[in-house]
């Protein structure tokens, strides 16, 4: 039926990415969602098996991403090729959704959209890019 309707499966992981940060862990559930292929191609050209839905938690990306928003993460994009895009990333055991900017010398500035949250700087070796946030869905 999904094939006839041109729906593609995208896994939703029950892992919440902090806006601020949250503890990343390997134990999470996945829920398979089926979405229209042409709708998905509006956000990214990557194949569906590289995409994940997850929730944002916190307010550091306010007003761009709100607490509880469902974000679409393209795990096929793990190299920072454009400045100031929003990425799902990990540093140590923590993970979050932040804007990233290369500062040269292997340094990366991790920025929040909320002006009340201080930017941080990490060496690229300390930062694990999980994927680019290519979509944001929220309840009205």
N, C-alpha and C. Protein backbone atom coordinates (compact mmCIF):
# COMPACT_ATOMS: atom_id res chain seq x y z
N UNK A 1 0.82 -1.19 0.00
CA UNK A 1 0.00 0.00 0.00
C UNK A 1 0.87 1.26 0.00
N UNK A 2 1.92 1.27 0.83
CA UNK A 2 2.81 2.44 0.89
C UNK A 2 3.44 2.72 -0.47
N UNK A 3 3.84 1.64 -1.17
CA UNK A 3 4.42 1.80 -2.51
C UNK A 3 3.44 2.41 -3.48
N UNK A 4 2.20 1.96 -3.45
CA UNK A 4 1.17 2.49 -4.35
C UNK A 4 0.91 3.97 -4.11
N UNK A 5 1.04 4.41 -2.86
CA UNK A 5 0.82 5.81 -2.51
C UNK A 5 2.10 6.64 -2.59
N UNK A 6 3.22 6.00 -3.00
CA UNK A 6 4.53 6.64 -3.08
C UNK A 6 4.94 7.24 -1.74
N UNK A 7 4.76 6.43 -0.68
CA UNK A 7 5.18 6.82 0.66
C UNK A 7 6.52 6.19 0.96
N UNK A 8 7.38 6.91 1.68
CA UNK A 8 8.68 6.38 2.06
C UNK A 8 8.74 6.27 3.57
N UNK A 9 9.40 5.22 4.09
CA UNK A 9 9.51 5.07 5.54
C UNK A 9 10.62 5.96 6.10
N UNK A 10 10.33 6.64 7.18
CA UNK A 10 11.32 7.43 7.91
C UNK A 10 11.18 7.05 9.38
N UNK A 11 12.29 6.69 9.99
CA UNK A 11 12.27 6.29 11.40
C UNK A 11 12.20 7.52 12.29
N UNK A 12 11.32 7.47 13.30
CA UNK A 12 11.32 8.48 14.35
C UNK A 12 11.99 7.84 15.56
N UNK A 13 13.02 8.47 16.08
CA UNK A 13 13.70 7.93 17.25
C UNK A 13 13.17 8.63 18.49
N UNK A 14 13.05 7.89 19.57
CA UNK A 14 12.51 8.44 20.80
C UNK A 14 13.60 9.11 21.62
N UNK A 15 14.61 9.60 20.95
CA UNK A 15 15.70 10.31 21.58
C UNK A 15 15.43 11.80 21.41
N UNK A 16 15.48 12.54 22.50
CA UNK A 16 15.26 13.98 22.43
C UNK A 16 16.60 14.69 22.41
N UNK A 17 16.80 15.55 21.41
CA UNK A 17 18.02 16.33 21.32
C UNK A 17 17.82 17.62 22.08
N UNK A 18 18.72 17.87 23.01
CA UNK A 18 18.61 19.07 23.83
C UNK A 18 18.86 20.33 23.03
N UNK A 19 18.16 21.35 23.42
CA UNK A 19 18.44 22.69 22.91
C UNK A 19 18.89 23.40 24.16
N UNK A 20 20.13 23.45 24.37
CA UNK A 20 20.98 23.26 25.49
C UNK A 20 21.64 21.95 25.15
N UNK A 21 21.46 20.95 25.96
CA UNK A 21 21.96 19.62 25.64
C UNK A 21 21.26 18.60 26.51
N UNK A 22 21.23 17.37 26.04
CA UNK A 22 20.69 16.25 26.80
C UNK A 22 21.69 15.11 26.70
N UNK A 23 21.55 14.14 27.57
CA UNK A 23 22.43 12.98 27.54
C UNK A 23 22.01 12.09 26.39
N UNK A 24 22.98 11.75 25.53
CA UNK A 24 22.72 10.81 24.43
C UNK A 24 22.92 9.40 24.97
N UNK A 25 22.12 8.51 24.50
CA UNK A 25 22.27 7.11 24.91
C UNK A 25 21.91 6.23 23.73
N UNK A 26 22.37 5.01 23.80
CA UNK A 26 22.13 4.08 22.69
C UNK A 26 20.77 3.42 22.78
N UNK A 27 20.12 3.49 23.94
CA UNK A 27 18.84 2.82 24.10
C UNK A 27 17.71 3.79 23.77
N UNK A 28 17.11 3.57 22.64
CA UNK A 28 15.95 4.35 22.25
C UNK A 28 15.09 3.49 21.33
N UNK A 29 13.83 3.83 21.27
CA UNK A 29 12.92 3.12 20.40
C UNK A 29 12.82 3.84 19.07
N UNK A 30 12.40 3.10 18.06
CA UNK A 30 12.14 3.73 16.78
C UNK A 30 10.71 3.41 16.37
N UNK A 31 10.11 4.39 15.74
CA UNK A 31 8.75 4.26 15.21
C UNK A 31 8.85 4.55 13.73
N UNK A 32 8.36 3.65 12.91
CA UNK A 32 8.41 3.87 11.46
C UNK A 32 7.20 4.71 11.04
N UNK A 33 7.50 5.85 10.43
CA UNK A 33 6.47 6.74 9.89
C UNK A 33 6.54 6.67 8.36
N UNK A 34 5.41 6.79 7.71
CA UNK A 34 5.38 6.82 6.25
C UNK A 34 4.94 8.21 5.81
N UNK A 35 5.76 8.81 4.97
CA UNK A 35 5.49 10.17 4.51
C UNK A 35 5.58 10.20 2.99
N UNK A 36 4.85 11.13 2.36
CA UNK A 36 4.90 11.21 0.90
C UNK A 36 6.31 11.57 0.40
N UNK A 37 6.76 10.83 -0.60
CA UNK A 37 8.10 11.04 -1.16
C UNK A 37 8.28 12.48 -1.64
N UNK A 38 7.30 13.02 -2.35
CA UNK A 38 7.47 14.38 -2.89
C UNK A 38 7.51 15.43 -1.77
N UNK A 39 6.82 15.18 -0.67
CA UNK A 39 6.90 16.08 0.48
C UNK A 39 8.29 16.02 1.10
N UNK A 40 8.82 14.82 1.24
CA UNK A 40 10.15 14.65 1.83
C UNK A 40 11.22 15.31 0.97
N UNK A 41 11.07 15.24 -0.34
CA UNK A 41 12.05 15.84 -1.24
C UNK A 41 12.05 17.37 -1.17
N UNK A 42 11.03 17.94 -0.55
CA UNK A 42 11.01 19.38 -0.30
C UNK A 42 12.11 19.76 0.70
N UNK A 43 12.45 18.85 1.62
CA UNK A 43 13.42 19.13 2.67
C UNK A 43 14.84 18.70 2.31
N UNK A 44 14.97 17.58 1.61
CA UNK A 44 16.29 17.04 1.31
C UNK A 44 16.20 16.07 0.13
N UNK A 45 17.32 15.90 -0.54
CA UNK A 45 17.39 14.93 -1.64
C UNK A 45 17.97 13.59 -1.16
N UNK A 46 18.34 13.49 0.10
CA UNK A 46 18.90 12.24 0.63
C UNK A 46 17.84 11.15 0.66
N UNK A 47 18.25 9.90 0.51
CA UNK A 47 17.28 8.80 0.56
C UNK A 47 16.68 8.66 1.97
N UNK A 48 15.47 8.13 2.01
CA UNK A 48 14.72 8.04 3.27
C UNK A 48 15.46 7.27 4.36
N UNK A 49 16.27 6.26 3.99
CA UNK A 49 16.95 5.47 5.03
C UNK A 49 17.99 6.29 5.79
N UNK A 50 18.34 7.48 5.31
CA UNK A 50 19.29 8.35 6.01
C UNK A 50 18.60 9.44 6.83
N UNK A 51 17.27 9.43 6.87
CA UNK A 51 16.52 10.47 7.57
C UNK A 51 15.95 9.94 8.88
N UNK A 52 15.88 10.83 9.87
CA UNK A 52 15.30 10.49 11.16
C UNK A 52 14.48 11.67 11.65
N UNK A 53 13.34 11.36 12.24
CA UNK A 53 12.59 12.35 13.00
C UNK A 53 13.02 12.22 14.45
N UNK A 54 13.12 13.34 15.16
CA UNK A 54 13.41 13.35 16.59
C UNK A 54 12.78 14.61 17.17
N UNK A 55 12.75 14.72 18.47
CA UNK A 55 12.17 15.89 19.14
C UNK A 55 13.27 16.76 19.72
N UNK A 56 13.02 18.06 19.69
CA UNK A 56 13.89 19.00 20.38
C UNK A 56 13.40 19.18 21.80
N UNK A 57 14.31 19.42 22.72
CA UNK A 57 13.95 19.61 24.12
C UNK A 57 14.71 20.82 24.65
N UNK A 58 13.99 21.78 25.20
CA UNK A 58 14.61 22.96 25.79
C UNK A 58 14.30 24.22 24.99
N UNK A 59 15.00 25.31 25.32
CA UNK A 59 14.67 26.59 24.68
C UNK A 59 15.85 27.32 24.08
N UNK A 60 17.01 26.68 23.95
CA UNK A 60 18.18 27.40 23.44
C UNK A 60 18.06 27.75 21.96
N UNK A 61 17.20 27.07 21.21
CA UNK A 61 17.03 27.39 19.78
C UNK A 61 15.77 28.21 19.53
N UNK A 62 15.14 28.70 20.60
CA UNK A 62 13.97 29.57 20.47
C UNK A 62 14.39 30.87 19.81
N UNK A 63 13.69 31.40 18.84
CA UNK A 63 12.35 31.04 18.40
C UNK A 63 12.31 30.11 17.19
N UNK A 64 13.48 29.65 16.71
CA UNK A 64 13.52 28.82 15.50
C UNK A 64 12.93 27.44 15.74
N UNK A 65 13.33 26.79 16.82
CA UNK A 65 12.82 25.47 17.19
C UNK A 65 12.29 25.59 18.60
N UNK A 66 11.06 25.16 18.81
CA UNK A 66 10.44 25.24 20.13
C UNK A 66 10.56 23.90 20.85
N UNK A 67 10.47 23.95 22.16
CA UNK A 67 10.49 22.75 22.99
C UNK A 67 9.40 21.79 22.51
N UNK A 68 9.78 20.56 22.18
CA UNK A 68 8.84 19.55 21.73
C UNK A 68 8.62 19.49 20.23
N UNK A 69 9.20 20.43 19.47
CA UNK A 69 9.07 20.39 18.02
C UNK A 69 9.66 19.10 17.47
N UNK A 70 9.07 18.60 16.41
CA UNK A 70 9.57 17.44 15.69
C UNK A 70 10.51 17.95 14.60
N UNK A 71 11.75 17.49 14.61
CA UNK A 71 12.71 17.92 13.60
C UNK A 71 13.08 16.75 12.71
N UNK A 72 13.43 17.06 11.48
CA UNK A 72 13.88 16.06 10.51
C UNK A 72 15.38 16.20 10.38
N UNK A 73 16.10 15.11 10.65
CA UNK A 73 17.56 15.11 10.64
C UNK A 73 18.04 14.26 9.47
N UNK A 74 18.90 14.84 8.65
CA UNK A 74 19.50 14.13 7.51
C UNK A 74 20.85 13.60 7.97
N UNK A 75 20.91 12.31 8.31
CA UNK A 75 22.16 11.72 8.81
C UNK A 75 23.16 11.45 7.69
N UNK A 76 22.76 11.69 6.46
CA UNK A 76 23.69 11.59 5.33
C UNK A 76 24.58 12.81 5.22
N UNK A 77 24.23 13.86 5.92
CA UNK A 77 25.03 15.09 5.91
C UNK A 77 25.72 15.23 7.26
N UNK A 78 26.98 14.84 7.30
CA UNK A 78 27.73 14.88 8.56
C UNK A 78 28.99 15.73 8.45
N UNK A 79 29.16 16.39 7.32
CA UNK A 79 30.28 17.32 7.15
C UNK A 79 29.71 18.72 7.04
N UNK A 80 30.24 19.62 7.84
CA UNK A 80 29.76 20.98 7.84
C UNK A 80 30.24 21.67 6.56
N UNK A 81 29.34 21.79 5.60
CA UNK A 81 29.70 22.37 4.31
C UNK A 81 29.17 23.79 4.16
N UNK A 82 28.24 24.19 5.03
CA UNK A 82 27.65 25.52 4.99
C UNK A 82 27.67 26.09 6.41
N UNK A 83 28.08 27.33 6.54
CA UNK A 83 28.11 27.98 7.85
C UNK A 83 26.70 28.26 8.35
N UNK A 84 26.54 28.22 9.66
CA UNK A 84 25.35 28.67 10.37
C UNK A 84 24.09 27.84 10.12
N UNK A 85 24.23 26.64 9.57
CA UNK A 85 23.09 25.72 9.47
C UNK A 85 22.88 25.09 10.85
N UNK A 86 21.71 24.50 11.05
CA UNK A 86 21.41 23.83 12.31
C UNK A 86 21.73 22.35 12.18
N UNK A 87 22.45 21.83 13.16
CA UNK A 87 22.93 20.45 13.13
C UNK A 87 22.55 19.73 14.42
N UNK A 88 22.30 18.43 14.31
CA UNK A 88 22.23 17.56 15.48
C UNK A 88 23.65 17.09 15.71
N UNK A 89 24.16 17.35 16.91
CA UNK A 89 25.55 16.99 17.17
C UNK A 89 25.72 16.48 18.59
N UNK A 90 26.81 15.78 18.78
CA UNK A 90 27.15 15.25 20.08
C UNK A 90 28.52 15.74 20.50
N UNK A 91 28.67 15.95 21.78
CA UNK A 91 29.97 16.28 22.35
C UNK A 91 30.04 15.56 23.69
N UNK A 92 30.95 14.60 23.75
CA UNK A 92 30.98 13.70 24.90
C UNK A 92 29.71 12.88 24.92
N UNK A 93 29.06 12.79 26.07
CA UNK A 93 27.80 12.07 26.21
C UNK A 93 26.58 12.96 25.98
N UNK A 94 26.81 14.22 25.63
CA UNK A 94 25.72 15.17 25.45
C UNK A 94 25.42 15.38 23.98
N UNK A 95 24.18 15.71 23.70
CA UNK A 95 23.80 16.00 22.33
C UNK A 95 22.86 17.17 22.27
N UNK A 96 22.85 17.83 21.14
CA UNK A 96 21.97 18.98 21.01
C UNK A 96 21.74 19.38 19.57
N UNK A 97 20.86 20.36 19.41
CA UNK A 97 20.58 20.98 18.13
C UNK A 97 21.11 22.40 18.20
N UNK A 98 22.07 22.71 17.35
CA UNK A 98 22.69 24.03 17.38
C UNK A 98 23.14 24.46 16.00
N UNK A 99 23.36 25.75 15.86
CA UNK A 99 24.01 26.27 14.65
C UNK A 99 25.51 26.08 14.84
N UNK A 100 26.19 25.74 13.75
CA UNK A 100 27.64 25.54 13.81
C UNK A 100 28.32 26.50 12.85
N UNK A 101 29.47 27.01 13.29
CA UNK A 101 30.27 27.89 12.44
C UNK A 101 31.74 27.53 12.63
N UNK A 102 32.42 27.25 11.51
CA UNK A 102 33.84 26.97 11.54
C UNK A 102 34.59 28.25 11.87
N UNK A 103 35.53 28.14 12.81
CA UNK A 103 36.30 29.31 13.25
C UNK A 103 37.74 29.24 12.77
N UNK A 104 38.09 28.22 12.00
CA UNK A 104 39.48 28.04 11.56
C UNK A 104 40.29 27.33 12.63
N UNK A 105 41.41 26.78 12.24
CA UNK A 105 42.27 26.07 13.18
C UNK A 105 41.60 24.87 13.81
N UNK A 106 40.59 24.31 13.15
CA UNK A 106 39.91 23.13 13.68
C UNK A 106 38.87 23.45 14.75
N UNK A 107 38.61 24.72 14.99
CA UNK A 107 37.65 25.12 16.02
C UNK A 107 36.28 25.37 15.40
N UNK A 108 35.23 25.03 16.17
CA UNK A 108 33.85 25.20 15.73
C UNK A 108 33.09 25.93 16.83
N UNK A 109 32.37 26.99 16.43
CA UNK A 109 31.51 27.70 17.38
C UNK A 109 30.14 27.04 17.34
N UNK A 110 29.63 26.69 18.52
CA UNK A 110 28.32 26.07 18.68
C UNK A 110 27.40 27.16 19.22
N UNK A 111 26.41 27.54 18.39
CA UNK A 111 25.59 28.71 18.70
C UNK A 111 24.13 28.33 18.90
N UNK A 112 23.47 29.09 19.75
CA UNK A 112 22.03 28.95 19.98
C UNK A 112 21.34 30.18 19.43
N UNK A 113 20.08 30.03 19.01
CA UNK A 113 19.32 31.18 18.51
C UNK A 113 18.79 32.05 19.64
N UNK A 114 18.64 31.47 20.82
CA UNK A 114 18.18 32.22 21.99
C UNK A 114 19.34 33.09 22.48
N UNK A 115 19.15 34.40 22.45
CA UNK A 115 20.22 35.34 22.81
C UNK A 115 20.66 35.20 24.27
N UNK A 116 19.87 34.56 25.10
CA UNK A 116 20.23 34.40 26.51
C UNK A 116 21.16 33.21 26.75
N UNK A 117 21.43 32.44 25.69
CA UNK A 117 22.30 31.27 25.82
C UNK A 117 23.66 31.60 25.22
N UNK A 118 24.71 31.37 25.98
CA UNK A 118 26.07 31.68 25.57
C UNK A 118 26.59 30.68 24.54
N UNK A 119 27.28 31.19 23.52
CA UNK A 119 27.92 30.32 22.53
C UNK A 119 29.06 29.55 23.18
N UNK A 120 29.38 28.40 22.62
CA UNK A 120 30.51 27.60 23.09
C UNK A 120 31.40 27.30 21.90
N UNK A 121 32.66 26.99 22.18
CA UNK A 121 33.60 26.64 21.12
C UNK A 121 34.22 25.29 21.45
N UNK A 122 34.28 24.44 20.43
CA UNK A 122 34.86 23.11 20.57
C UNK A 122 35.87 22.89 19.45
N UNK A 123 36.82 22.02 19.71
CA UNK A 123 37.69 21.56 18.63
C UNK A 123 36.87 20.54 17.84
N UNK A 124 37.03 20.54 16.54
CA UNK A 124 36.24 19.64 15.68
C UNK A 124 36.38 18.18 16.11
N UNK A 125 37.53 17.79 16.67
CA UNK A 125 37.72 16.42 17.14
C UNK A 125 36.81 16.08 18.31
N UNK A 126 36.34 17.10 19.05
CA UNK A 126 35.46 16.88 20.20
C UNK A 126 33.99 16.80 19.82
N UNK A 127 33.68 17.20 18.60
CA UNK A 127 32.30 17.34 18.15
C UNK A 127 31.95 16.23 17.17
N UNK A 128 30.83 15.57 17.38
CA UNK A 128 30.36 14.53 16.47
C UNK A 128 29.09 15.04 15.79
N UNK A 129 29.15 15.27 14.49
CA UNK A 129 27.97 15.72 13.76
C UNK A 129 27.13 14.50 13.40
N UNK A 130 25.92 14.46 13.91
CA UNK A 130 25.00 13.35 13.68
C UNK A 130 24.25 13.56 12.37
N UNK A 131 23.92 14.80 12.06
CA UNK A 131 23.23 15.11 10.82
C UNK A 131 22.74 16.54 10.80
N UNK A 132 22.37 17.00 9.60
CA UNK A 132 21.86 18.36 9.45
C UNK A 132 20.35 18.38 9.69
N UNK A 133 19.90 19.33 10.46
CA UNK A 133 18.47 19.50 10.67
C UNK A 133 17.92 20.18 9.42
N UNK A 134 17.09 19.46 8.68
CA UNK A 134 16.60 19.99 7.40
C UNK A 134 15.11 20.30 7.43
N UNK A 135 14.45 20.04 8.54
CA UNK A 135 13.04 20.36 8.65
C UNK A 135 12.61 20.49 10.10
N UNK A 136 11.57 21.26 10.31
CA UNK A 136 11.03 21.48 11.65
C UNK A 136 9.52 21.49 11.54
N UNK A 137 8.86 20.63 12.32
CA UNK A 137 7.41 20.55 12.30
C UNK A 137 6.90 20.82 13.70
N UNK A 138 5.86 21.63 13.79
CA UNK A 138 5.33 21.93 15.12
C UNK A 138 3.82 22.00 15.11
N UNK A 139 3.26 21.81 16.31
CA UNK A 139 1.82 21.98 16.48
C UNK A 139 1.50 23.46 16.55
N UNK A 140 0.35 23.81 16.09
CA UNK A 140 -0.09 25.21 16.19
C UNK A 140 -1.09 25.34 17.31
